[in-house]
């Protein structure tokens, strides 16, 4: 199989995919010419910051997945880890199909993750990253071989754009090393 991996270069994930004799093409910039990937069998997105065009999604129906560090339907979109604390929502990781919405596709695998009161935004992000990568390694072959069926996301949840963070950046007194206990629920009363 030929796999297009979109997002930040993560050698552990790429080596894992390659270990099944699959060829991995890595890209972390926007796709400008979709025909360049016409011979790809599957697409994996992990931390990819660009929206995939609908004609590409239609062509690869049920063969495009995203690794997202939130417990969907909570915290769709940008900065899911940050928002899980600002709005005090459930924390976790989700692997889902990509559809034409943003983080709205059917869920393939999901795991709730407990935070540690001593966490910072950085350490909680690292915990979620390890969890999503472990979950991916457990379910990848079932997803790739289409043995795992997606289930629709439950109603509700939340969505955030990158610029939504601007109103709360003053709370990040130590940047990504800000203790999460200092920001829990701080966005709840501002809506």
N, C-alpha and C. Protein backbone atom coordinates (compact mmCIF):
# COMPACT_ATOMS: atom_id res chain seq x y z
N UNK A 1 0.85 -1.19 0.00
CA UNK A 1 0.00 0.00 0.00
C UNK A 1 0.88 1.24 0.00
N UNK A 2 0.33 2.28 -0.58
CA UNK A 2 1.01 3.58 -0.55
C UNK A 2 0.19 4.50 0.35
N UNK A 3 0.84 5.02 1.40
CA UNK A 3 0.18 5.84 2.41
C UNK A 3 0.72 7.26 2.34
N UNK A 4 -0.19 8.23 2.25
CA UNK A 4 0.18 9.64 2.33
C UNK A 4 0.00 10.06 3.79
N UNK A 5 1.10 10.45 4.42
CA UNK A 5 1.08 10.89 5.81
C UNK A 5 1.22 12.41 5.84
N UNK A 6 0.18 13.08 6.34
CA UNK A 6 0.14 14.54 6.38
C UNK A 6 0.35 15.03 7.81
N UNK A 7 1.28 15.94 7.99
CA UNK A 7 1.51 16.52 9.32
C UNK A 7 2.98 16.57 9.65
N UNK A 8 3.23 16.92 10.90
CA UNK A 8 4.60 17.02 11.40
C UNK A 8 5.28 15.66 11.27
N UNK A 9 6.53 15.68 10.88
CA UNK A 9 7.30 14.44 10.72
C UNK A 9 7.46 13.75 12.07
N UNK A 10 6.92 12.57 12.19
CA UNK A 10 7.02 11.78 13.41
C UNK A 10 7.59 10.41 13.01
N UNK A 11 8.91 10.25 13.16
CA UNK A 11 9.55 9.03 12.67
C UNK A 11 8.99 7.75 13.28
N UNK A 12 8.57 7.78 14.53
CA UNK A 12 8.04 6.58 15.16
C UNK A 12 6.78 6.09 14.44
N UNK A 13 5.89 7.02 14.09
CA UNK A 13 4.66 6.66 13.37
C UNK A 13 4.99 6.22 11.95
N UNK A 14 5.84 6.96 11.28
CA UNK A 14 6.19 6.62 9.89
C UNK A 14 6.89 5.26 9.83
N UNK A 15 7.81 5.01 10.76
CA UNK A 15 8.48 3.70 10.80
C UNK A 15 7.50 2.58 11.09
N UNK A 16 6.52 2.85 11.97
CA UNK A 16 5.51 1.83 12.28
C UNK A 16 4.70 1.49 11.03
N UNK A 17 4.23 2.49 10.31
CA UNK A 17 3.45 2.25 9.09
C UNK A 17 4.30 1.48 8.07
N UNK A 18 5.55 1.89 7.94
CA UNK A 18 6.47 1.26 6.98
C UNK A 18 6.76 -0.19 7.34
N UNK A 19 6.64 -0.54 8.60
CA UNK A 19 6.97 -1.90 9.04
C UNK A 19 6.04 -2.95 8.45
N UNK A 20 4.93 -2.53 7.85
CA UNK A 20 4.00 -3.46 7.21
C UNK A 20 4.22 -3.49 5.70
N UNK A 21 5.41 -3.10 5.29
CA UNK A 21 5.79 -3.04 3.87
C UNK A 21 4.95 -2.05 3.08
N UNK A 22 4.46 -1.03 3.76
CA UNK A 22 3.74 0.04 3.09
C UNK A 22 4.70 1.19 2.83
N UNK A 23 4.53 1.81 1.69
CA UNK A 23 5.35 2.97 1.34
C UNK A 23 4.70 4.21 1.92
N UNK A 24 5.46 5.06 2.60
CA UNK A 24 4.93 6.26 3.22
C UNK A 24 5.49 7.49 2.51
N UNK A 25 4.59 8.36 2.10
CA UNK A 25 4.96 9.66 1.55
C UNK A 25 4.57 10.69 2.60
N UNK A 26 5.53 11.51 3.00
CA UNK A 26 5.28 12.50 4.04
C UNK A 26 5.13 13.89 3.41
N UNK A 27 4.14 14.65 3.91
CA UNK A 27 3.93 16.02 3.44
C UNK A 27 3.38 16.83 4.60
N UNK A 28 3.96 18.02 4.82
CA UNK A 28 3.45 18.88 5.89
C UNK A 28 3.08 20.27 5.38
N UNK A 29 3.01 20.41 4.06
CA UNK A 29 2.59 21.66 3.44
C UNK A 29 1.26 21.42 2.72
N UNK A 30 0.57 22.49 2.33
CA UNK A 30 -0.73 22.30 1.66
C UNK A 30 -0.59 21.49 0.36
N UNK A 31 -1.61 20.72 0.07
CA UNK A 31 -1.65 19.96 -1.18
C UNK A 31 -2.14 20.90 -2.27
N UNK A 32 -1.28 21.17 -3.23
CA UNK A 32 -1.67 22.09 -4.31
C UNK A 32 -2.11 21.33 -5.56
N UNK A 33 -1.53 20.16 -5.79
CA UNK A 33 -1.88 19.38 -6.97
C UNK A 33 -2.31 17.98 -6.53
N UNK A 34 -3.61 17.79 -6.45
CA UNK A 34 -4.14 16.51 -5.97
C UNK A 34 -3.79 15.35 -6.89
N UNK A 35 -3.58 15.63 -8.16
CA UNK A 35 -3.26 14.55 -9.10
C UNK A 35 -1.92 13.90 -8.76
N UNK A 36 -1.08 14.62 -8.02
CA UNK A 36 0.21 14.09 -7.60
C UNK A 36 0.03 12.86 -6.70
N UNK A 37 -1.14 12.74 -6.08
CA UNK A 37 -1.38 11.65 -5.14
C UNK A 37 -2.45 10.68 -5.63
N UNK A 38 -2.63 10.60 -6.93
CA UNK A 38 -3.69 9.74 -7.48
C UNK A 38 -3.43 8.25 -7.24
N UNK A 39 -2.17 7.87 -7.00
CA UNK A 39 -1.88 6.46 -6.79
C UNK A 39 -1.75 6.08 -5.31
N UNK A 40 -2.15 6.99 -4.43
CA UNK A 40 -2.12 6.73 -3.00
C UNK A 40 -3.32 5.86 -2.62
N UNK A 41 -3.12 4.95 -1.66
CA UNK A 41 -4.19 4.07 -1.21
C UNK A 41 -4.91 4.57 0.03
N UNK A 42 -4.19 5.34 0.86
CA UNK A 42 -4.75 5.77 2.14
C UNK A 42 -4.08 7.06 2.57
N UNK A 43 -4.82 7.90 3.31
CA UNK A 43 -4.27 9.16 3.80
C UNK A 43 -4.45 9.22 5.32
N UNK A 44 -3.35 9.58 6.01
CA UNK A 44 -3.38 9.75 7.46
C UNK A 44 -2.97 11.18 7.77
N UNK A 45 -3.78 11.87 8.56
CA UNK A 45 -3.48 13.23 9.00
C UNK A 45 -3.24 13.22 10.50
N UNK A 46 -2.14 13.86 10.90
CA UNK A 46 -1.82 13.95 12.34
C UNK A 46 -1.12 15.29 12.56
N UNK A 47 -1.87 16.23 13.10
CA UNK A 47 -1.32 17.56 13.33
C UNK A 47 -1.17 18.37 12.05
N UNK A 48 -1.90 18.00 11.02
CA UNK A 48 -1.85 18.70 9.73
C UNK A 48 -2.75 19.92 9.82
N UNK A 49 -2.24 21.07 9.50
CA UNK A 49 -2.95 22.34 9.72
C UNK A 49 -3.75 22.84 8.51
N UNK A 50 -3.92 22.01 7.50
CA UNK A 50 -4.58 22.47 6.29
C UNK A 50 -5.84 21.65 6.02
N UNK A 51 -6.83 22.33 5.45
CA UNK A 51 -8.10 21.67 5.12
C UNK A 51 -7.94 20.91 3.80
N UNK A 52 -8.39 19.67 3.79
CA UNK A 52 -8.36 18.88 2.56
C UNK A 52 -9.58 19.21 1.73
N UNK A 53 -9.38 19.34 0.44
CA UNK A 53 -10.48 19.71 -0.46
C UNK A 53 -11.49 18.58 -0.59
N UNK A 54 -12.74 18.97 -0.81
CA UNK A 54 -13.84 17.99 -0.84
C UNK A 54 -13.68 16.96 -1.95
N UNK A 55 -13.14 17.36 -3.12
CA UNK A 55 -13.00 16.36 -4.19
C UNK A 55 -11.96 15.30 -3.82
N UNK A 56 -10.93 15.66 -3.04
CA UNK A 56 -9.96 14.68 -2.57
C UNK A 56 -10.63 13.74 -1.56
N UNK A 57 -11.44 14.31 -0.68
CA UNK A 57 -12.13 13.49 0.32
C UNK A 57 -13.11 12.53 -0.34
N UNK A 58 -13.80 12.99 -1.37
CA UNK A 58 -14.73 12.10 -2.08
C UNK A 58 -13.98 10.96 -2.76
N UNK A 59 -12.84 11.29 -3.36
CA UNK A 59 -12.04 10.27 -4.04
C UNK A 59 -11.55 9.19 -3.07
N UNK A 60 -11.21 9.60 -1.85
CA UNK A 60 -10.66 8.68 -0.86
C UNK A 60 -11.67 8.37 0.24
N UNK A 61 -12.92 8.33 -0.08
CA UNK A 61 -13.97 8.08 0.91
C UNK A 61 -13.62 6.88 1.79
N UNK A 62 -13.69 7.10 3.10
CA UNK A 62 -13.39 6.08 4.11
C UNK A 62 -11.94 5.58 4.02
N UNK A 63 -11.07 6.39 3.42
CA UNK A 63 -9.64 6.07 3.38
C UNK A 63 -8.80 7.28 3.76
N UNK A 64 -9.41 8.20 4.52
CA UNK A 64 -8.71 9.37 5.05
C UNK A 64 -9.06 9.47 6.53
N UNK A 65 -8.03 9.37 7.37
CA UNK A 65 -8.27 9.44 8.81
C UNK A 65 -7.45 10.57 9.43
N UNK A 66 -7.90 10.97 10.62
CA UNK A 66 -7.21 12.00 11.38
C UNK A 66 -6.96 11.47 12.79
N UNK A 67 -5.79 11.78 13.31
CA UNK A 67 -5.45 11.50 14.70
C UNK A 67 -5.58 12.82 15.44
N UNK A 68 -6.55 12.91 16.34
CA UNK A 68 -6.91 14.17 16.99
C UNK A 68 -6.78 14.03 18.50
N UNK A 69 -6.12 14.99 19.14
CA UNK A 69 -5.88 14.88 20.58
C UNK A 69 -6.99 15.55 21.39
N UNK A 70 -8.21 15.10 21.13
CA UNK A 70 -9.33 15.45 22.00
C UNK A 70 -10.32 14.30 21.99
N UNK A 71 -11.21 14.32 22.95
CA UNK A 71 -12.26 13.31 23.03
C UNK A 71 -13.46 13.87 22.27
N UNK A 72 -13.48 13.63 20.97
CA UNK A 72 -14.56 14.18 20.15
C UNK A 72 -15.91 13.66 20.64
N UNK A 73 -16.93 14.51 20.61
CA UNK A 73 -17.07 15.74 19.84
C UNK A 73 -16.51 16.99 20.52
N UNK A 74 -15.87 16.85 21.67
CA UNK A 74 -15.32 18.00 22.36
C UNK A 74 -14.05 18.49 21.68
N UNK A 75 -13.94 19.80 21.58
CA UNK A 75 -12.72 20.47 21.14
C UNK A 75 -12.28 20.11 19.72
N UNK A 76 -13.25 20.17 18.82
CA UNK A 76 -12.92 20.06 17.40
C UNK A 76 -12.11 21.30 17.02
N UNK A 77 -11.30 21.16 15.98
CA UNK A 77 -10.55 22.31 15.48
C UNK A 77 -9.22 22.50 16.17
N UNK A 78 -8.84 23.77 16.34
CA UNK A 78 -7.50 24.13 16.81
C UNK A 78 -7.36 24.06 18.34
N UNK A 79 -6.16 23.81 18.76
CA UNK A 79 -5.77 23.83 20.18
C UNK A 79 -6.67 22.99 21.09
N UNK A 80 -6.94 21.74 20.72
CA UNK A 80 -7.88 20.95 21.52
C UNK A 80 -7.44 20.74 22.96
N UNK A 81 -6.15 20.56 23.19
CA UNK A 81 -5.68 20.35 24.56
C UNK A 81 -5.92 21.60 25.41
N UNK A 82 -5.59 22.75 24.89
CA UNK A 82 -5.80 24.01 25.60
C UNK A 82 -7.27 24.19 25.98
N UNK A 83 -8.17 23.99 25.01
CA UNK A 83 -9.59 24.20 25.25
C UNK A 83 -10.17 23.18 26.22
N UNK A 84 -9.61 21.99 26.27
CA UNK A 84 -10.14 21.00 27.21
C UNK A 84 -9.96 21.47 28.65
N UNK A 85 -8.97 22.32 28.89
CA UNK A 85 -8.78 22.89 30.23
C UNK A 85 -9.55 24.20 30.37
N UNK A 86 -9.45 25.09 29.39
CA UNK A 86 -10.15 26.37 29.48
C UNK A 86 -11.65 26.19 29.68
N UNK A 87 -12.22 25.18 29.03
CA UNK A 87 -13.66 24.93 29.15
C UNK A 87 -13.98 23.73 30.04
N UNK A 88 -12.95 23.12 30.62
CA UNK A 88 -13.10 21.99 31.53
C UNK A 88 -13.97 20.89 30.92
N UNK A 89 -13.59 20.46 29.74
CA UNK A 89 -14.31 19.40 29.02
C UNK A 89 -13.53 18.09 29.13
N UNK A 90 -14.16 16.97 28.75
CA UNK A 90 -13.45 15.68 28.81
C UNK A 90 -12.17 15.71 27.97
N UNK A 91 -11.17 15.00 28.45
CA UNK A 91 -9.88 14.95 27.77
C UNK A 91 -9.69 13.56 27.20
N UNK A 92 -9.03 13.50 26.05
CA UNK A 92 -8.78 12.20 25.45
C UNK A 92 -8.26 12.34 24.05
N UNK A 93 -8.29 11.22 23.33
CA UNK A 93 -7.80 11.17 21.95
C UNK A 93 -8.80 10.42 21.08
N UNK A 94 -8.82 10.78 19.81
CA UNK A 94 -9.78 10.18 18.88
C UNK A 94 -9.13 9.98 17.52
N UNK A 95 -9.39 8.83 16.93
CA UNK A 95 -9.04 8.59 15.53
C UNK A 95 -10.37 8.56 14.79
N UNK A 96 -10.49 9.38 13.75
CA UNK A 96 -11.77 9.47 13.04
C UNK A 96 -11.55 9.64 11.54
N UNK A 97 -12.59 9.30 10.79
CA UNK A 97 -12.57 9.58 9.36
C UNK A 97 -12.63 11.09 9.16
N UNK A 98 -11.98 11.57 8.13
CA UNK A 98 -12.10 12.97 7.77
C UNK A 98 -13.23 13.09 6.77
N UNK A 99 -14.15 14.00 7.07
CA UNK A 99 -15.23 14.32 6.13
C UNK A 99 -15.10 15.80 5.78
N UNK A 100 -16.14 16.40 5.23
CA UNK A 100 -16.04 17.79 4.80
C UNK A 100 -16.14 18.80 5.93
N UNK A 101 -16.49 18.36 7.12
CA UNK A 101 -16.49 19.25 8.28
C UNK A 101 -15.10 19.24 8.92
N UNK A 102 -14.97 19.97 10.01
CA UNK A 102 -13.69 19.99 10.72
C UNK A 102 -13.82 19.12 11.96
N UNK A 103 -13.13 17.99 11.92
CA UNK A 103 -13.14 17.01 13.02
C UNK A 103 -14.56 16.50 13.32
N UNK A 104 -15.34 16.29 12.27
CA UNK A 104 -16.73 15.84 12.45
C UNK A 104 -16.99 14.42 11.93
N UNK A 105 -15.98 13.78 11.37
CA UNK A 105 -16.17 12.45 10.79
C UNK A 105 -16.42 11.37 11.81
N UNK A 106 -16.89 10.23 11.32
CA UNK A 106 -17.19 9.08 12.17
C UNK A 106 -15.96 8.65 12.98
N UNK A 107 -16.20 8.27 14.21
CA UNK A 107 -15.13 7.86 15.13
C UNK A 107 -14.77 6.39 14.89
N UNK A 108 -13.47 6.14 14.77
CA UNK A 108 -12.95 4.79 14.60
C UNK A 108 -12.42 4.21 15.91
N UNK A 109 -11.79 5.05 16.71
CA UNK A 109 -11.25 4.62 18.01
C UNK A 109 -11.10 5.85 18.88
N UNK A 110 -11.26 5.64 20.17
CA UNK A 110 -11.25 6.77 21.09
C UNK A 110 -10.83 6.27 22.48
N UNK A 111 -10.16 7.16 23.21
CA UNK A 111 -9.74 6.81 24.56
C UNK A 111 -9.78 8.06 25.43
N UNK A 112 -10.46 7.96 26.55
CA UNK A 112 -10.46 9.06 27.50
C UNK A 112 -9.15 9.03 28.28
N UNK A 113 -8.59 10.20 28.54
CA UNK A 113 -7.31 10.32 29.25
C UNK A 113 -7.51 11.23 30.45
N UNK A 114 -7.04 10.79 31.60
CA UNK A 114 -7.12 11.61 32.80
C UNK A 114 -5.93 12.56 32.85
N UNK A 115 -6.19 13.78 33.25
CA UNK A 115 -5.08 14.71 33.40
C UNK A 115 -4.53 14.61 34.82
N UNK A 116 -3.35 15.12 34.98
CA UNK A 116 -2.69 15.14 36.29
C UNK A 116 -2.73 16.57 36.80
N UNK A 117 -3.11 16.79 38.06
CA UNK A 117 -3.19 18.16 38.58
C UNK A 117 -1.87 18.93 38.47
N UNK A 118 -0.77 18.21 38.37
CA UNK A 118 0.54 18.87 38.27
C UNK A 118 0.96 19.10 36.81
N UNK A 119 0.11 18.73 35.87
CA UNK A 119 0.42 18.91 34.46
C UNK A 119 0.57 20.38 34.09
N UNK A 120 1.36 20.61 33.06
CA UNK A 120 1.38 21.88 32.36
C UNK A 120 0.70 21.62 31.02
N UNK A 121 0.48 22.66 30.25
CA UNK A 121 -0.07 22.44 28.92
C UNK A 121 0.87 21.56 28.09
N UNK A 122 2.16 21.76 28.27
CA UNK A 122 3.15 20.96 27.52
C UNK A 122 3.09 19.48 27.93
N UNK A 123 3.11 19.20 29.24
CA UNK A 123 3.13 17.79 29.66
C UNK A 123 1.81 17.09 29.34
N UNK A 124 0.70 17.82 29.40
CA UNK A 124 -0.58 17.20 29.04
C UNK A 124 -0.63 16.92 27.53
N UNK A 125 -0.08 17.83 26.73
CA UNK A 125 0.00 17.62 25.28
C UNK A 125 0.86 16.39 24.98
N UNK A 126 1.98 16.28 25.67
CA UNK A 126 2.87 15.12 25.45
C UNK A 126 2.17 13.82 25.84
N UNK A 127 1.39 13.84 26.92
CA UNK A 127 0.64 12.64 27.34
C UNK A 127 -0.39 12.25 26.27
N UNK A 128 -1.10 13.25 25.75
CA UNK A 128 -2.09 12.98 24.71
C UNK A 128 -1.42 12.48 23.44
N UNK A 129 -0.28 13.04 23.09
CA UNK A 129 0.44 12.60 21.89
C UNK A 129 0.87 11.14 22.03
N UNK A 130 1.39 10.77 23.17
CA UNK A 130 1.77 9.36 23.39
C UNK A 130 0.54 8.46 23.31
N UNK A 131 -0.56 8.92 23.88
CA UNK A 131 -1.79 8.11 23.88
C UNK A 131 -2.34 7.91 22.47
N UNK A 132 -2.36 8.97 21.66
CA UNK A 132 -2.91 8.83 20.29
C UNK A 132 -2.01 7.93 19.45
N UNK A 133 -0.69 8.05 19.65
CA UNK A 133 0.22 7.21 18.89
C UNK A 133 0.11 5.75 19.30
N UNK A 134 -0.08 5.48 20.57
CA UNK A 134 -0.29 4.11 21.04
C UNK A 134 -1.60 3.55 20.51
N UNK A 135 -2.66 4.34 20.60
CA UNK A 135 -3.96 3.90 20.07
C UNK A 135 -3.88 3.62 18.58
N UNK A 136 -3.19 4.48 17.84
CA UNK A 136 -3.03 4.28 16.40
C UNK A 136 -2.35 2.94 16.13
N UNK A 137 -1.31 2.64 16.87
CA UNK A 137 -0.58 1.39 16.64
C UNK A 137 -1.46 0.17 16.94
N UNK A 138 -2.37 0.31 17.86
CA UNK A 138 -3.27 -0.80 18.20
C UNK A 138 -4.30 -1.04 17.09
N UNK A 139 -4.82 0.04 16.51
CA UNK A 139 -5.96 -0.11 15.58
C UNK A 139 -5.60 0.05 14.10
N UNK A 140 -4.37 0.46 13.78
CA UNK A 140 -4.04 0.80 12.39
C UNK A 140 -4.36 -0.31 11.40
N UNK A 141 -3.93 -1.51 11.63
CA UNK A 141 -4.17 -2.56 10.64
C UNK A 141 -5.66 -2.81 10.44
N UNK A 142 -6.45 -2.71 11.49
CA UNK A 142 -7.91 -2.87 11.33
C UNK A 142 -8.52 -1.72 10.53
N UNK A 143 -7.97 -0.53 10.69
CA UNK A 143 -8.46 0.61 9.90
C UNK A 143 -8.02 0.45 8.45
N UNK A 144 -6.75 0.20 8.26
CA UNK A 144 -6.18 0.07 6.91
C UNK A 144 -6.90 -1.01 6.11
N UNK A 145 -7.18 -2.13 6.75
CA UNK A 145 -7.81 -3.25 6.06
C UNK A 145 -9.33 -3.20 6.14
N UNK A 146 -9.86 -2.08 6.63
CA UNK A 146 -11.30 -1.80 6.68
C UNK A 146 -12.09 -2.81 7.50
N UNK A 147 -11.48 -3.27 8.55
CA UNK A 147 -12.17 -4.18 9.47
C UNK A 147 -12.81 -3.43 10.63
N UNK A 148 -12.49 -2.15 10.76
CA UNK A 148 -13.03 -1.32 11.84
C UNK A 148 -14.00 -0.32 11.23
N UNK A 149 -15.21 -0.31 11.71
CA UNK A 149 -16.24 0.58 11.18
C UNK A 149 -16.38 1.81 12.07
N UNK A 150 -16.59 2.95 11.44
CA UNK A 150 -16.77 4.18 12.19
C UNK A 150 -18.18 4.31 12.74
N UNK A 151 -18.29 5.07 13.82
CA UNK A 151 -19.61 5.37 14.38
C UNK A 151 -19.78 6.89 14.39
N UNK A 152 -20.99 7.37 14.10
CA UNK A 152 -21.22 8.82 14.08
C UNK A 152 -20.90 9.44 15.44
N UNK A 153 -20.41 10.66 15.40
CA UNK A 153 -20.11 11.38 16.63
C UNK A 153 -21.42 11.74 17.34
N UNK A 154 -21.39 11.75 18.67
CA UNK A 154 -22.58 12.19 19.39
C UNK A 154 -22.85 13.67 19.16
N UNK A 155 -24.05 14.09 19.42
CA UNK A 155 -24.42 15.51 19.30
C UNK A 155 -23.64 16.32 20.32
N UNK A 156 -23.56 17.62 20.05
CA UNK A 156 -22.94 18.53 21.01
C UNK A 156 -21.46 18.68 20.77
N UNK A 157 -20.74 18.90 21.85
CA UNK A 157 -19.32 19.11 21.76
C UNK A 157 -18.97 20.58 21.59
N UNK A 158 -17.79 20.84 21.07
CA UNK A 158 -17.34 22.22 20.89
C UNK A 158 -16.38 22.30 19.71
N UNK A 159 -16.18 23.53 19.23
CA UNK A 159 -15.31 23.78 18.09
C UNK A 159 -14.58 25.09 18.31
N UNK A 160 -13.31 25.13 17.94
CA UNK A 160 -12.51 26.34 18.10
C UNK A 160 -11.60 26.56 16.91
N UNK A 161 -11.50 27.83 16.53
CA UNK A 161 -10.55 28.24 15.49
C UNK A 161 -9.27 28.71 16.17
N UNK A 162 -8.21 28.78 15.39
CA UNK A 162 -6.91 29.20 15.92
C UNK A 162 -6.99 30.57 16.59
N UNK A 163 -7.73 31.50 15.99
CA UNK A 163 -7.78 32.86 16.55
C UNK A 163 -8.68 32.97 17.79
N UNK A 164 -9.42 31.93 18.14
CA UNK A 164 -10.22 31.95 19.37
C UNK A 164 -9.33 32.03 20.61
N UNK A 165 -8.11 31.58 20.48
CA UNK A 165 -7.17 31.55 21.59
C UNK A 165 -6.74 32.96 22.04
N UNK A 166 -6.82 33.92 21.13
CA UNK A 166 -6.30 35.28 21.39
C UNK A 166 -6.84 35.86 22.70
N UNK A 167 -8.13 35.70 22.95
CA UNK A 167 -8.74 36.28 24.15
C UNK A 167 -8.28 35.63 25.45
N UNK A 168 -7.56 34.51 25.36
CA UNK A 168 -7.15 33.79 26.56
C UNK A 168 -5.64 33.66 26.69
N UNK A 169 -4.91 34.21 25.75
CA UNK A 169 -3.45 34.08 25.80
C UNK A 169 -2.84 34.72 27.04
N UNK A 170 -3.50 35.72 27.58
CA UNK A 170 -2.97 36.37 28.80
C UNK A 170 -2.91 35.38 29.97
N UNK A 171 -3.71 34.32 29.92
CA UNK A 171 -3.69 33.31 30.98
C UNK A 171 -2.47 32.40 30.90
N UNK A 172 -1.83 32.38 29.73
CA UNK A 172 -0.69 31.48 29.52
C UNK A 172 0.58 32.17 30.01
N UNK A 173 0.64 32.39 31.30
CA UNK A 173 1.71 33.18 31.92
C UNK A 173 3.09 32.56 31.73
N UNK A 174 3.13 31.26 31.52
CA UNK A 174 4.40 30.58 31.28
C UNK A 174 4.38 29.88 29.92
N UNK A 175 3.62 30.43 28.99
CA UNK A 175 3.51 29.80 27.67
C UNK A 175 2.92 28.41 27.80
N UNK A 176 3.48 27.46 27.06
CA UNK A 176 2.98 26.08 27.11
C UNK A 176 3.40 25.38 28.40
N UNK A 177 4.24 26.02 29.22
CA UNK A 177 4.61 25.46 30.52
C UNK A 177 3.70 25.97 31.64
N UNK A 178 2.62 26.65 31.28
CA UNK A 178 1.64 27.12 32.25
C UNK A 178 0.97 25.91 32.91
N UNK A 179 0.91 25.88 34.24
CA UNK A 179 0.21 24.78 34.92
C UNK A 179 -1.28 24.77 34.53
N UNK A 180 -1.79 23.60 34.22
CA UNK A 180 -3.19 23.52 33.78
C UNK A 180 -4.15 23.92 34.90
N UNK A 181 -3.76 23.71 36.15
CA UNK A 181 -4.64 24.07 37.27
C UNK A 181 -4.91 25.58 37.29
N UNK A 182 -4.06 26.37 36.66
CA UNK A 182 -4.25 27.83 36.62
C UNK A 182 -5.26 28.28 35.57
N UNK A 183 -5.66 27.38 34.66
CA UNK A 183 -6.56 27.81 33.59
C UNK A 183 -7.85 27.01 33.52
N UNK A 184 -8.03 26.04 34.39
CA UNK A 184 -9.22 25.19 34.33
C UNK A 184 -10.49 26.03 34.47
N UNK A 185 -11.36 25.90 33.48
CA UNK A 185 -12.66 26.57 33.50
C UNK A 185 -12.64 28.07 33.25
N UNK A 186 -11.50 28.63 32.91
CA UNK A 186 -11.40 30.10 32.76
C UNK A 186 -12.19 30.65 31.57
N UNK A 187 -12.58 29.81 30.63
CA UNK A 187 -13.36 30.30 29.48
C UNK A 187 -14.86 30.08 29.67
N UNK A 188 -15.27 29.42 30.74
CA UNK A 188 -16.67 29.08 30.92
C UNK A 188 -17.56 30.30 31.15
N UNK A 189 -17.09 31.28 31.85
CA UNK A 189 -17.92 32.44 32.17
C UNK A 189 -17.81 33.58 31.17
N UNK A 190 -17.05 33.38 30.12
CA UNK A 190 -16.82 34.46 29.15
C UNK A 190 -17.65 34.30 27.90
N UNK A 191 -18.50 33.30 27.84
CA UNK A 191 -19.28 33.08 26.61
C UNK A 191 -20.51 33.93 26.58
